C-alpha cells in the first residue's frame, strides 16, 4: 500500500470531485452541433425547448454520462467481489469468462428474439454469464478452495474462447443483425438513452448495495477458508451470494452498453493502492474510480476520430493496459 496523507473521507471527496469534473466535461465535448458549457448548465436546470444544443446535452449526453457512471461502478465492484471470493488478484469478469458468457447470452437474444427488450437482454446476459462462471469455477476447482490461481485463469481463458466462438456462430447465423451486435460487442455508450438509464439504475442500486453489505465478509475470506469458517462464515452461501451479485452487476452493465472489459481487472488494484486491503474502504473507492475511468474513456472515444466515434471499450484497453503492466512490475500478483 502506498502511504498517503489523505484520510479515507478526503480520498472519496477528491475522487468524487474528479468524477464530477469528468462528467461535466462529457456533457459538451466533441459534438457535431456545438454545445457550450452554458448550454449544458441550462439544460440541467431550465432547458430551452427550442435549443438543439440543450436537447443534445439533456437527451443524449446526460443519460449517456449517467449510464457510464453506473457501468463503471458495476464493473469495478464486480471485480472486487470476484477477487475477494477467489482470493485471486487476476480475477475479473473479463478474465474469468463472465463477460464472454454474458455477451453470448445477449447476442443470442438480440439476434434470435430482439422483441424481449433491454430487460430480457439483461436476464439473458445474467444467465449466460452465470453458466460461464459456474463452468470456470468447476474447472478451476475454486469451490474447493485452495490457491489454484493459474488453473482458474486457464479455465477462464478456455471458457471465454468457447463463448467467443459461439457468439461468432450466432452472428453468422443471424447475418441481418450482425452489424448491431458487432458494435455492441466492442463496448460503446453511444446508444445509451434515458430508457437505458431507467432500466439500469434499479439493478445497479441493488447490486452496489449488496456489494457494500458483503464487504466485511470478504475481509474475513482474506484470512483463509479455514479461519473464515471458524469465525462463523458460511463459505457456500457467501460464494453463492457473491456470485449472484457479480452476475447482477456484470449482466446489467453488459446488456446496457456492451462488452466493456478491463475495468474489473485494473480498478481494484488501483483502489487497494489508495485505501489498503479493507474491503469496506477500497470497495467504494473502486466504484468511484471505475465510474471515472468509463466516463473519461467515453469522452475520449468521441474525439479520437471526430466526428465519428471509437468504441469506449477499445479506449479502455488502451488506457488500462499500460497501467496494469506497471502494476504487475511493481507488485507480485
C-alpha atoms as a PDB file:
ATOM      1  CA  UNK A   1       0.000   0.000   0.000  1.00  0.00           C
ATOM      2  CA  UNK A   2       1.282   3.452  -0.897  1.00  0.00           C
ATOM      3  CA  UNK A   3       1.221   5.746   2.162  1.00  0.00           C
ATOM      4  CA  UNK A   4      -0.934   8.810   1.538  1.00  0.00           C
ATOM      5  CA  UNK A   5      -1.533  11.882   3.609  1.00  0.00           C
ATOM      6  CA  UNK A   6      -5.226  11.934   2.836  1.00  0.00           C
ATOM      7  CA  UNK A   7      -7.804  10.194   5.008  1.00  0.00           C
ATOM      8  CA  UNK A   8     -10.417   7.867   3.543  1.00  0.00           C
ATOM      9  CA  UNK A   9     -13.054  10.616   3.533  1.00  0.00           C
ATOM     10  CA  UNK A  10     -10.668  13.035   1.847  1.00  0.00           C
ATOM     11  CA  UNK A  11      -9.841  10.442  -0.815  1.00  0.00           C
ATOM     12  CA  UNK A  12     -13.546   9.891  -1.503  1.00  0.00           C
ATOM     13  CA  UNK A  13     -14.186  13.633  -1.783  1.00  0.00           C
ATOM     14  CA  UNK A  14     -11.246  14.154  -4.140  1.00  0.00           C
ATOM     15  CA  UNK A  15     -12.301  11.249  -6.335  1.00  0.00           C
ATOM     16  CA  UNK A  16     -15.909  12.469  -6.379  1.00  0.00           C
ATOM     17  CA  UNK A  17     -14.617  15.871  -7.473  1.00  0.00           C
ATOM     18  CA  UNK A  18     -12.658  14.163 -10.262  1.00  0.00           C
ATOM     19  CA  UNK A  19     -15.779  12.225 -11.283  1.00  0.00           C
ATOM     20  CA  UNK A  20     -17.846  15.411 -11.287  1.00  0.00           C
ATOM     21  CA  UNK A  21     -15.260  17.147 -13.481  1.00  0.00           C
ATOM     22  CA  UNK A  22     -15.097  14.271 -15.979  1.00  0.00           C
ATOM     23  CA  UNK A  23     -18.890  14.062 -16.066  1.00  0.00           C
ATOM     24  CA  UNK A  24     -19.274  17.802 -16.615  1.00  0.00           C
ATOM     25  CA  UNK A  25     -16.786  17.823 -19.497  1.00  0.00           C
ATOM     26  CA  UNK A  26     -18.533  14.869 -21.127  1.00  0.00           C
ATOM     27  CA  UNK A  27     -21.769  16.886 -21.454  1.00  0.00           C
ATOM     28  CA  UNK A  28     -20.419  19.357 -24.011  1.00  0.00           C
ATOM     29  CA  UNK A  29     -17.202  18.000 -25.509  1.00  0.00           C
ATOM     30  CA  UNK A  30     -16.869  16.872 -29.144  1.00  0.00           C
ATOM     31  CA  UNK A  31     -20.332  17.453 -30.531  1.00  0.00           C
ATOM     32  CA  UNK A  32     -21.140  17.890 -34.228  1.00  0.00           C
ATOM     33  CA  UNK A  33     -23.553  20.641 -33.205  1.00  0.00           C
ATOM     34  CA  UNK A  34     -21.684  22.954 -30.861  1.00  0.00           C
ATOM     35  CA  UNK A  35     -22.698  22.557 -27.221  1.00  0.00           C
ATOM     36  CA  UNK A  36     -21.221  25.140 -24.860  1.00  0.00           C
ATOM     37  CA  UNK A  37     -20.798  24.743 -21.081  1.00  0.00           C
ATOM     38  CA  UNK A  38     -23.556  27.346 -20.689  1.00  0.00           C
ATOM     39  CA  UNK A  39     -25.889  25.206 -22.834  1.00  0.00           C
ATOM     40  CA  UNK A  40     -25.102  22.145 -20.715  1.00  0.00           C
ATOM     41  CA  UNK A  41     -25.719  24.038 -17.473  1.00  0.00           C
ATOM     42  CA  UNK A  42     -29.022  25.490 -18.667  1.00  0.00           C
ATOM     43  CA  UNK A  43     -30.127  22.074 -19.939  1.00  0.00           C
ATOM     44  CA  UNK A  44     -29.766  20.733 -16.400  1.00  0.00           C
ATOM     45  CA  UNK A  45     -31.847  23.419 -14.700  1.00  0.00           C
ATOM     46  CA  UNK A  46     -34.089  25.252 -17.164  1.00  0.00           C
ATOM     47  CA  UNK A  47     -33.922  23.752 -20.637  1.00  0.00           C
ATOM     48  CA  UNK A  48     -34.958  25.863 -23.618  1.00  0.00           C
ATOM     49  CA  UNK A  49     -37.179  23.580 -25.691  1.00  0.00           C
ATOM     50  CA  UNK A  50     -36.161  25.414 -28.883  1.00  0.00           C
ATOM     51  CA  UNK A  51     -32.408  24.924 -28.348  1.00  0.00           C
ATOM     52  CA  UNK A  52     -30.963  21.948 -30.230  1.00  0.00           C
ATOM     53  CA  UNK A  53     -27.718  22.192 -28.262  1.00  0.00           C
ATOM     54  CA  UNK A  54     -29.560  21.940 -24.946  1.00  0.00           C
ATOM     55  CA  UNK A  55     -31.607  18.996 -26.204  1.00  0.00           C
ATOM     56  CA  UNK A  56     -28.349  17.234 -27.124  1.00  0.00           C
ATOM     57  CA  UNK A  57     -26.964  17.882 -23.641  1.00  0.00           C
ATOM     58  CA  UNK A  58     -30.141  16.763 -21.857  1.00  0.00           C
ATOM     59  CA  UNK A  59     -31.460  13.948 -24.056  1.00  0.00           C
ATOM     60  CA  UNK A  60     -28.215  12.417 -25.339  1.00  0.00           C
ATOM     61  CA  UNK A  61     -25.196  13.392 -23.258  1.00  0.00           C
ATOM     62  CA  UNK A  62     -26.734  13.370 -19.758  1.00  0.00           C
ATOM     63  CA  UNK A  63     -28.186   9.816 -19.865  1.00  0.00           C
ATOM     64  CA  UNK A  64     -25.001   8.635 -21.573  1.00  0.00           C
ATOM     65  CA  UNK A  65     -22.907  10.081 -18.771  1.00  0.00           C
ATOM     66  CA  UNK A  66     -25.129   8.632 -16.032  1.00  0.00           C
ATOM     67  CA  UNK A  67     -25.113   5.189 -17.651  1.00  0.00           C
ATOM     68  CA  UNK A  68     -21.320   5.386 -17.918  1.00  0.00           C
ATOM     69  CA  UNK A  69     -21.062   6.136 -14.195  1.00  0.00           C
ATOM     70  CA  UNK A  70     -23.230   3.160 -13.275  1.00  0.00           C
ATOM     71  CA  UNK A  71     -21.492   0.787 -15.686  1.00  0.00           C
ATOM     72  CA  UNK A  72     -18.062   1.759 -14.348  1.00  0.00           C
ATOM     73  CA  UNK A  73     -19.170   1.339 -10.742  1.00  0.00           C
ATOM     74  CA  UNK A  74     -20.823  -2.016 -11.526  1.00  0.00           C
ATOM     75  CA  UNK A  75     -17.791  -3.498 -13.270  1.00  0.00           C
ATOM     76  CA  UNK A  76     -15.356  -2.251 -10.624  1.00  0.00           C
ATOM     77  CA  UNK A  77     -17.495  -3.652  -7.793  1.00  0.00           C
ATOM     78  CA  UNK A  78     -17.827  -6.964  -9.639  1.00  0.00           C
ATOM     79  CA  UNK A  79     -14.039  -7.157  -9.976  1.00  0.00           C
ATOM     80  CA  UNK A  80     -13.549  -6.501  -6.265  1.00  0.00           C
ATOM     81  CA  UNK A  81     -16.059  -9.199  -5.313  1.00  0.00           C
ATOM     82  CA  UNK A  82     -14.541 -11.749  -7.686  1.00  0.00           C
ATOM     83  CA  UNK A  83     -11.025 -11.140  -6.402  1.00  0.00           C
ATOM     84  CA  UNK A  84     -12.328 -11.405  -2.839  1.00  0.00           C
ATOM     85  CA  UNK A  85     -14.242 -14.639  -3.444  1.00  0.00           C
ATOM     86  CA  UNK A  86     -11.447 -16.420  -5.297  1.00  0.00           C
ATOM     87  CA  UNK A  87      -8.516 -14.761  -3.464  1.00  0.00           C
ATOM     88  CA  UNK A  88      -7.047 -14.380  -6.938  1.00  0.00           C
ATOM     89  CA  UNK A  89      -5.662 -10.930  -7.879  1.00  0.00           C
ATOM     90  CA  UNK A  90      -6.123 -11.758 -11.573  1.00  0.00           C
ATOM     91  CA  UNK A  91      -9.848 -12.456 -11.223  1.00  0.00           C
ATOM     92  CA  UNK A  92     -12.185 -10.183 -13.146  1.00  0.00           C
ATOM     93  CA  UNK A  93     -15.344 -10.548 -15.256  1.00  0.00           C
ATOM     94  CA  UNK A  94     -13.302 -10.394 -18.463  1.00  0.00           C
ATOM     95  CA  UNK A  95     -10.553 -12.838 -17.433  1.00  0.00           C
ATOM     96  CA  UNK A  96     -12.817 -15.479 -15.879  1.00  0.00           C
ATOM     97  CA  UNK A  97     -15.337 -15.722 -18.689  1.00  0.00           C
ATOM     98  CA  UNK A  98     -18.328 -13.809 -17.298  1.00  0.00           C
ATOM     99  CA  UNK A  99     -18.091 -11.055 -19.914  1.00  0.00           C
ATOM    100  CA  UNK A 100     -17.870 -13.607 -22.724  1.00  0.00           C
ATOM    101  CA  UNK A 101     -20.756 -15.651 -21.349  1.00  0.00           C
ATOM    102  CA  UNK A 102     -22.912 -12.577 -20.856  1.00  0.00           C
ATOM    103  CA  UNK A 103     -22.046 -11.419 -24.370  1.00  0.00           C
ATOM    104  CA  UNK A 104     -23.110 -14.801 -25.751  1.00  0.00           C
ATOM    105  CA  UNK A 105     -26.441 -14.637 -23.919  1.00  0.00           C
ATOM    106  CA  UNK A 106     -27.034 -11.050 -25.004  1.00  0.00           C
ATOM    107  CA  UNK A 107     -26.068 -11.723 -28.624  1.00  0.00           C
ATOM    108  CA  UNK A 108     -28.338 -14.771 -28.763  1.00  0.00           C
ATOM    109  CA  UNK A 109     -31.350 -12.839 -27.522  1.00  0.00           C
ATOM    110  CA  UNK A 110     -30.584  -9.773 -29.667  1.00  0.00           C
ATOM    111  CA  UNK A 111     -30.397 -11.811 -32.866  1.00  0.00           C
ATOM    112  CA  UNK A 112     -32.982 -14.522 -32.240  1.00  0.00           C
ATOM    113  CA  UNK A 113     -35.593 -12.714 -30.113  1.00  0.00           C
ATOM    114  CA  UNK A 114     -34.961  -8.939 -30.260  1.00  0.00           C
ATOM    115  CA  UNK A 115     -38.509  -8.178 -29.066  1.00  0.00           C
ATOM    116  CA  UNK A 116     -37.552  -9.121 -25.493  1.00  0.00           C
ATOM    117  CA  UNK A 117     -36.108  -5.643 -24.986  1.00  0.00           C
ATOM    118  CA  UNK A 118     -33.475  -4.471 -22.501  1.00  0.00           C
ATOM    119  CA  UNK A 119     -34.894  -6.380 -19.510  1.00  0.00           C
ATOM    120  CA  UNK A 120     -34.883  -9.654 -21.426  1.00  0.00           C
ATOM    121  CA  UNK A 121     -31.358  -8.918 -22.613  1.00  0.00           C
ATOM    122  CA  UNK A 122     -30.246  -8.277 -19.030  1.00  0.00           C
ATOM    123  CA  UNK A 123     -31.698 -11.594 -17.911  1.00  0.00           C
ATOM    124  CA  UNK A 124     -30.070 -13.379 -20.852  1.00  0.00           C
ATOM    125  CA  UNK A 125     -26.725 -11.738 -20.045  1.00  0.00           C
ATOM    126  CA  UNK A 126     -27.001 -12.841 -16.411  1.00  0.00           C
ATOM    127  CA  UNK A 127     -27.877 -16.403 -17.415  1.00  0.00           C
ATOM    128  CA  UNK A 128     -25.050 -16.589 -19.946  1.00  0.00           C
ATOM    129  CA  UNK A 129     -22.547 -15.100 -17.523  1.00  0.00           C
ATOM    130  CA  UNK A 130     -23.759 -17.404 -14.749  1.00  0.00           C
ATOM    131  CA  UNK A 131     -23.315 -20.551 -16.832  1.00  0.00           C
ATOM    132  CA  UNK A 132     -19.829 -19.459 -17.897  1.00  0.00           C
ATOM    133  CA  UNK A 133     -18.881 -18.522 -14.309  1.00  0.00           C
ATOM    134  CA  UNK A 134     -20.126 -21.883 -12.985  1.00  0.00           C
ATOM    135  CA  UNK A 135     -18.050 -23.804 -15.547  1.00  0.00           C
ATOM    136  CA  UNK A 136     -14.959 -21.727 -14.771  1.00  0.00           C
ATOM    137  CA  UNK A 137     -15.356 -22.276 -11.033  1.00  0.00           C
ATOM    138  CA  UNK A 138     -15.832 -26.027 -11.522  1.00  0.00           C
ATOM    139  CA  UNK A 139     -12.935 -26.436 -13.946  1.00  0.00           C
ATOM    140  CA  UNK A 140     -10.717 -24.218 -11.824  1.00  0.00           C
ATOM    141  CA  UNK A 141     -11.591 -26.080  -8.593  1.00  0.00           C
ATOM    142  CA  UNK A 142     -12.458 -22.749  -6.976  1.00  0.00           C
ATOM    143  CA  UNK A 143     -15.355 -24.182  -4.977  1.00  0.00           C
ATOM    144  CA  UNK A 144     -12.967 -26.498  -3.188  1.00  0.00           C
ATOM    145  CA  UNK A 145     -10.801 -23.619  -2.040  1.00  0.00           C
ATOM    146  CA  UNK A 146      -7.036 -23.525  -2.211  1.00  0.00           C
ATOM    147  CA  UNK A 147      -4.731 -21.393  -4.261  1.00  0.00           C
ATOM    148  CA  UNK A 148      -5.184 -22.795  -7.760  1.00  0.00           C
ATOM    149  CA  UNK A 149      -4.858 -19.308  -9.267  1.00  0.00           C
ATOM    150  CA  UNK A 150      -3.271 -20.455 -12.522  1.00  0.00           C
ATOM    151  CA  UNK A 151      -5.832 -23.212 -13.039  1.00  0.00           C
ATOM    152  CA  UNK A 152      -8.705 -20.776 -12.504  1.00  0.00           C
ATOM    153  CA  UNK A 153      -7.289 -18.297 -15.041  1.00  0.00           C
ATOM    154  CA  UNK A 154      -6.705 -21.069 -17.602  1.00  0.00           C
ATOM    155  CA  UNK A 155     -10.301 -22.229 -17.137  1.00  0.00           C
ATOM    156  CA  UNK A 156     -11.467 -18.646 -17.666  1.00  0.00           C
ATOM    157  CA  UNK A 157      -9.447 -18.320 -20.865  1.00  0.00           C
ATOM    158  CA  UNK A 158     -10.825 -21.615 -22.201  1.00  0.00           C
ATOM    159  CA  UNK A 159     -14.463 -20.759 -21.424  1.00  0.00           C
ATOM    160  CA  UNK A 160     -14.018 -17.238 -22.835  1.00  0.00           C
ATOM    161  CA  UNK A 161     -12.677 -18.693 -26.088  1.00  0.00           C
ATOM    162  CA  UNK A 162     -15.600 -21.127 -26.302  1.00  0.00           C
ATOM    163  CA  UNK A 163     -18.174 -18.381 -25.674  1.00  0.00           C
ATOM    164  CA  UNK A 164     -16.483 -16.094 -28.210  1.00  0.00           C
ATOM    165  CA  UNK A 165     -16.649 -18.840 -30.851  1.00  0.00           C
ATOM    166  CA  UNK A 166     -20.343 -19.482 -30.123  1.00  0.00           C
ATOM    167  CA  UNK A 167     -21.049 -15.744 -30.276  1.00  0.00           C
ATOM    168  CA  UNK A 168     -19.442 -15.557 -33.724  1.00  0.00           C
ATOM    169  CA  UNK A 169     -21.549 -18.529 -34.819  1.00  0.00           C
ATOM    170  CA  UNK A 170     -24.712 -16.749 -33.660  1.00  0.00           C
ATOM    171  CA  UNK A 171     -23.700 -13.630 -35.603  1.00  0.00           C
ATOM    172  CA  UNK A 172     -23.067 -15.682 -38.759  1.00  0.00           C
ATOM    173  CA  UNK A 173     -26.451 -17.398 -38.442  1.00  0.00           C
ATOM    174  CA  UNK A 174     -28.314 -14.093 -37.932  1.00  0.00           C
ATOM    175  CA  UNK A 175     -26.398 -12.075 -40.514  1.00  0.00           C
ATOM    176  CA  UNK A 176     -29.008  -9.306 -40.765  1.00  0.00           C
ATOM    177  CA  UNK A 177     -28.375  -8.384 -37.118  1.00  0.00           C
ATOM    178  CA  UNK A 178     -24.591  -8.720 -37.330  1.00  0.00           C
ATOM    179  CA  UNK A 179     -23.687  -5.027 -37.628  1.00  0.00           C
ATOM    180  CA  UNK A 180     -25.548  -4.001 -34.479  1.00  0.00           C
ATOM    181  CA  UNK A 181     -24.226  -6.949 -32.483  1.00  0.00           C
ATOM    182  CA  UNK A 182     -20.618  -6.324 -33.552  1.00  0.00           C
ATOM    183  CA  UNK A 183     -20.889  -2.684 -32.465  1.00  0.00           C
ATOM    184  CA  UNK A 184     -22.356  -3.795 -29.159  1.00  0.00           C
ATOM    185  CA  UNK A 185     -19.577  -6.377 -28.648  1.00  0.00           C
ATOM    186  CA  UNK A 186     -16.966  -3.622 -28.982  1.00  0.00           C
ATOM    187  CA  UNK A 187     -18.477  -1.841 -25.956  1.00  0.00           C
ATOM    188  CA  UNK A 188     -19.952   1.576 -26.647  1.00  0.00           C
ATOM    189  CA  UNK A 189     -22.157   4.053 -24.798  1.00  0.00           C
ATOM    190  CA  UNK A 190     -23.287   5.790 -27.995  1.00  0.00           C
ATOM    191  CA  UNK A 191     -26.789   4.278 -27.843  1.00  0.00           C
ATOM    192  CA  UNK A 192     -27.380   4.964 -24.137  1.00  0.00           C
ATOM    193  CA  UNK A 193     -30.613   6.908 -23.643  1.00  0.00           C
ATOM    194  CA  UNK A 194     -32.998   7.654 -20.785  1.00  0.00           C
ATOM    195  CA  UNK A 195     -34.682   4.280 -21.402  1.00  0.00           C
ATOM    196  CA  UNK A 196     -31.318   2.613 -20.784  1.00  0.00           C
ATOM    197  CA  UNK A 197     -30.867   4.611 -17.595  1.00  0.00           C
ATOM    198  CA  UNK A 198     -34.361   3.732 -16.353  1.00  0.00           C
ATOM    199  CA  UNK A 199     -33.735   0.022 -16.889  1.00  0.00           C
ATOM    200  CA  UNK A 200     -30.218   0.040 -15.396  1.00  0.00           C
ATOM    201  CA  UNK A 201     -30.430   2.086 -12.202  1.00  0.00           C
ATOM    202  CA  UNK A 202     -32.616  -0.309 -10.130  1.00  0.00           C
ATOM    203  CA  UNK A 203     -30.294  -3.246 -10.887  1.00  0.00           C
ATOM    204  CA  UNK A 204     -27.266  -1.055 -10.248  1.00  0.00           C
ATOM    205  CA  UNK A 205     -28.647   0.113  -6.890  1.00  0.00           C
ATOM    206  CA  UNK A 206     -29.404  -3.419  -5.692  1.00  0.00           C
ATOM    207  CA  UNK A 207     -26.052  -4.759  -6.862  1.00  0.00           C
ATOM    208  CA  UNK A 208     -23.931  -1.983  -5.352  1.00  0.00           C
ATOM    209  CA  UNK A 209     -25.779  -2.071  -2.035  1.00  0.00           C
ATOM    210  CA  UNK A 210     -25.312  -5.830  -1.933  1.00  0.00           C
ATOM    211  CA  UNK A 211     -21.599  -5.363  -2.642  1.00  0.00           C
ATOM    212  CA  UNK A 212     -21.262  -2.982   0.301  1.00  0.00           C
ATOM    213  CA  UNK A 213     -23.084  -5.450   2.559  1.00  0.00           C
ATOM    214  CA  UNK A 214     -20.794  -8.335   1.606  1.00  0.00           C
ATOM    215  CA  UNK A 215     -17.609  -6.271   2.018  1.00  0.00           C
ATOM    216  CA  UNK A 216     -16.991  -7.178   5.717  1.00  0.00           C
ATOM    217  CA  UNK A 217     -17.304 -10.880   4.888  1.00  0.00           C
ATOM    218  CA  UNK A 218     -14.764 -10.501   2.070  1.00  0.00           C
ATOM    219  CA  UNK A 219     -12.357  -9.189   4.694  1.00  0.00           C
ATOM    220  CA  UNK A 220     -12.756 -12.456   6.616  1.00  0.00           C
ATOM    221  CA  UNK A 221     -12.118 -14.519   3.485  1.00  0.00           C
ATOM    222  CA  UNK A 222      -8.666 -12.927   3.290  1.00  0.00           C
ATOM    223  CA  UNK A 223      -7.770 -14.922   6.416  1.00  0.00           C
ATOM    224  CA  UNK A 224      -8.234 -18.178   4.515  1.00  0.00           C
ATOM    225  CA  UNK A 225     -11.181 -20.532   4.188  1.00  0.00           C
ATOM    226  CA  UNK A 226     -10.492 -22.439   7.413  1.00  0.00           C
ATOM    227  CA  UNK A 227     -10.132 -19.314   9.542  1.00  0.00           C
ATOM    228  CA  UNK A 228     -13.195 -17.730   7.947  1.00  0.00           C
ATOM    229  CA  UNK A 229     -15.214 -20.885   8.654  1.00  0.00           C
ATOM    230  CA  UNK A 230     -14.032 -20.888  12.269  1.00  0.00           C
ATOM    231  CA  UNK A 231     -15.251 -17.289  12.571  1.00  0.00           C
ATOM    232  CA  UNK A 232     -18.757 -18.351  11.543  1.00  0.00           C
ATOM    233  CA  UNK A 233     -18.672 -17.638   7.796  1.00  0.00           C
ATOM    234  CA  UNK A 234     -20.760 -19.970   5.646  1.00  0.00           C
ATOM    235  CA  UNK A 235     -18.439 -20.260   2.658  1.00  0.00           C
ATOM    236  CA  UNK A 236     -21.002 -21.831   0.356  1.00  0.00           C
ATOM    237  CA  UNK A 237     -23.637 -19.160   0.942  1.00  0.00           C
ATOM    238  CA  UNK A 238     -21.091 -16.346   0.723  1.00  0.00           C
ATOM    239  CA  UNK A 239     -19.781 -17.635  -2.596  1.00  0.00           C
ATOM    240  CA  UNK A 240     -23.278 -18.167  -3.954  1.00  0.00           C
ATOM    241  CA  UNK A 241     -24.428 -14.728  -2.815  1.00  0.00           C
ATOM    242  CA  UNK A 242     -21.272 -13.063  -4.099  1.00  0.00           C
ATOM    243  CA  UNK A 243     -21.583 -14.850  -7.442  1.00  0.00           C
ATOM    244  CA  UNK A 244     -25.189 -13.673  -7.773  1.00  0.00           C
ATOM    245  CA  UNK A 245     -24.105 -10.081  -7.118  1.00  0.00           C
ATOM    246  CA  UNK A 246     -21.349 -10.368  -9.720  1.00  0.00           C
ATOM    247  CA  UNK A 247     -23.827 -11.677 -12.298  1.00  0.00           C
ATOM    248  CA  UNK A 248     -26.312  -8.931 -11.471  1.00  0.00           C
ATOM    249  CA  UNK A 249     -23.668  -6.190 -11.761  1.00  0.00           C
ATOM    250  CA  UNK A 250     -21.999  -7.519 -14.901  1.00  0.00           C
ATOM    251  CA  UNK A 251     -25.183  -8.653 -16.645  1.00  0.00           C
ATOM    252  CA  UNK A 252     -26.928  -5.311 -16.220  1.00  0.00           C
ATOM    253  CA  UNK A 253     -23.834  -3.387 -17.361  1.00  0.00           C
ATOM    254  CA  UNK A 254     -23.096  -5.526 -20.418  1.00  0.00           C
ATOM    255  CA  UNK A 255     -26.718  -5.616 -21.562  1.00  0.00           C
ATOM    256  CA  UNK A 256     -26.782  -1.812 -21.452  1.00  0.00           C
ATOM    257  CA  UNK A 257     -23.562  -0.840 -23.242  1.00  0.00           C
ATOM    258  CA  UNK A 258     -21.876  -3.989 -24.491  1.00  0.00           C
ATOM    259  CA  UNK A 259     -18.832  -5.997 -23.549  1.00  0.00           C
ATOM    260  CA  UNK A 260     -16.619  -3.445 -21.822  1.00  0.00           C
ATOM    261  CA  UNK A 261     -13.614  -5.116 -20.228  1.00  0.00           C
ATOM    262  CA  UNK A 262     -10.554  -4.281 -18.170  1.00  0.00           C
ATOM    263  CA  UNK A 263     -12.376  -2.147 -15.572  1.00  0.00           C
ATOM    264  CA  UNK A 264     -12.911  -5.060 -13.190  1.00  0.00           C
ATOM    265  CA  UNK A 265      -9.272  -6.121 -13.508  1.00  0.00           C
ATOM    266  CA  UNK A 266      -7.445  -2.803 -13.207  1.00  0.00           C
ATOM    267  CA  UNK A 267      -9.558  -0.700 -10.855  1.00  0.00           C
ATOM    268  CA  UNK A 268      -9.466  -2.972  -7.755  1.00  0.00           C
ATOM    269  CA  UNK A 269      -5.656  -2.809  -7.760  1.00  0.00           C
ATOM    270  CA  UNK A 270      -5.717   0.973  -8.067  1.00  0.00           C
ATOM    271  CA  UNK A 271      -8.194   1.172  -5.189  1.00  0.00           C
ATOM    272  CA  UNK A 272      -6.044  -1.058  -2.977  1.00  0.00           C
ATOM    273  CA  UNK A 273      -3.061   1.199  -3.590  1.00  0.00           C
ATOM    274  CA  UNK A 274      -5.111   4.133  -2.311  1.00  0.00           C
ATOM    275  CA  UNK A 275      -7.140   2.602   0.520  1.00  0.00           C
ATOM    276  CA  UNK A 276      -5.400  -0.611   1.615  1.00  0.00           C
ATOM    277  CA  UNK A 277      -6.860  -4.103   1.978  1.00  0.00           C
ATOM    278  CA  UNK A 278     -10.065  -3.293   3.894  1.00  0.00           C
ATOM    279  CA  UNK A 279     -12.948  -4.018   1.515  1.00  0.00           C
ATOM    280  CA  UNK A 280     -15.193  -1.611   3.425  1.00  0.00           C
ATOM    281  CA  UNK A 281     -12.898   1.219   2.323  1.00  0.00           C
ATOM    282  CA  UNK A 282     -11.443   0.275  -1.014  1.00  0.00           C
ATOM    283  CA  UNK A 283     -14.745  -1.005  -2.462  1.00  0.00           C
ATOM    284  CA  UNK A 284     -16.375   2.476  -2.587  1.00  0.00           C
ATOM    285  CA  UNK A 285     -13.060   3.893  -3.832  1.00  0.00           C
ATOM    286  CA  UNK A 286     -13.095   1.290  -6.610  1.00  0.00           C
ATOM    287  CA  UNK A 287     -16.677   2.201  -7.561  1.00  0.00           C
ATOM    288  CA  UNK A 288     -15.771   5.872  -7.970  1.00  0.00           C
ATOM    289  CA  UNK A 289     -12.570   5.066  -9.872  1.00  0.00           C
ATOM    290  CA  UNK A 290     -14.463   2.721 -12.184  1.00  0.00           C
ATOM    291  CA  UNK A 291     -17.052   5.400 -12.908  1.00  0.00           C
ATOM    292  CA  UNK A 292     -14.297   7.957 -13.630  1.00  0.00           C
ATOM    293  CA  UNK A 293     -12.497   5.553 -15.951  1.00  0.00           C
ATOM    294  CA  UNK A 294     -15.574   4.702 -18.044  1.00  0.00           C
ATOM    295  CA  UNK A 295     -16.808   8.315 -18.321  1.00  0.00           C
ATOM    296  CA  UNK A 296     -13.323   9.547 -19.245  1.00  0.00           C
ATOM    297  CA  UNK A 297     -12.875   6.780 -21.815  1.00  0.00           C
ATOM    298  CA  UNK A 298     -16.265   7.519 -23.361  1.00  0.00           C
ATOM    299  CA  UNK A 299     -15.390  11.215 -23.628  1.00  0.00           C
ATOM    300  CA  UNK A 300     -12.041  10.460 -25.251  1.00  0.00           C
ATOM    301  CA  UNK A 301     -13.687   7.982 -27.642  1.00  0.00           C
ATOM    302  CA  UNK A 302     -15.672  10.805 -29.199  1.00  0.00           C
ATOM    303  CA  UNK A 303     -12.552  12.795 -30.058  1.00  0.00           C
ATOM    304  CA  UNK A 304     -10.196  10.123 -31.455  1.00  0.00           C
ATOM    305  CA  UNK A 305     -11.667  10.111 -34.986  1.00  0.00           C
ATOM    306  CA  UNK A 306     -14.107  13.021 -34.596  1.00  0.00           C
ATOM    307  CA  UNK A 307     -16.875  13.331 -35.799  1.00  0.00           C
ATOM    308  CA  UNK A 308     -17.055   9.507 -35.820  1.00  0.00           C
ATOM    309  CA  UNK A 309     -16.730   7.600 -32.563  1.00  0.00           C
ATOM    310  CA  UNK A 310     -14.356   4.929 -31.341  1.00  0.00           C
ATOM    311  CA  UNK A 311     -15.895   2.298 -29.006  1.00  0.00           C
ATOM    312  CA  UNK A 312     -15.198   3.124 -25.373  1.00  0.00           C
ATOM    313  CA  UNK A 313     -14.154  -0.495 -24.825  1.00  0.00           C
ATOM    314  CA  UNK A 314     -11.183  -0.014 -27.161  1.00  0.00           C
ATOM    315  CA  UNK A 315     -10.141   3.171 -25.366  1.00  0.00           C
ATOM    316  CA  UNK A 316     -10.362   1.407 -22.004  1.00  0.00           C
ATOM    317  CA  UNK A 317      -7.983  -1.283 -23.228  1.00  0.00           C
ATOM    318  CA  UNK A 318      -5.520   1.349 -24.454  1.00  0.00           C
ATOM    319  CA  UNK A 319      -5.707   3.248 -21.154  1.00  0.00           C
ATOM    320  CA  UNK A 320      -5.736   0.213 -18.890  1.00  0.00           C
ATOM    321  CA  UNK A 321      -3.039  -1.984 -20.414  1.00  0.00           C
ATOM    322  CA  UNK A 322      -0.031   0.281 -19.638  1.00  0.00           C
ATOM    323  CA  UNK A 323      -1.255   0.871 -16.066  1.00  0.00           C
ATOM    324  CA  UNK A 324      -1.796  -2.815 -15.458  1.00  0.00           C
ATOM    325  CA  UNK A 325       1.674  -3.647 -16.822  1.00  0.00           C
ATOM    326  CA  UNK A 326       3.035  -1.073 -14.391  1.00  0.00           C
ATOM    327  CA  UNK A 327       1.129  -2.708 -11.522  1.00  0.00           C
ATOM    328  CA  UNK A 328       2.444  -6.149 -12.482  1.00  0.00           C
ATOM    329  CA  UNK A 329       6.005  -4.831 -12.384  1.00  0.00           C
ATOM    330  CA  UNK A 330       5.529  -3.039  -9.057  1.00  0.00           C
ATOM    331  CA  UNK A 331       3.582  -5.782  -7.256  1.00  0.00           C
ATOM    332  CA  UNK A 332       3.828  -9.551  -7.149  1.00  0.00           C
ATOM    333  CA  UNK A 333       0.368 -10.650  -8.265  1.00  0.00           C
END
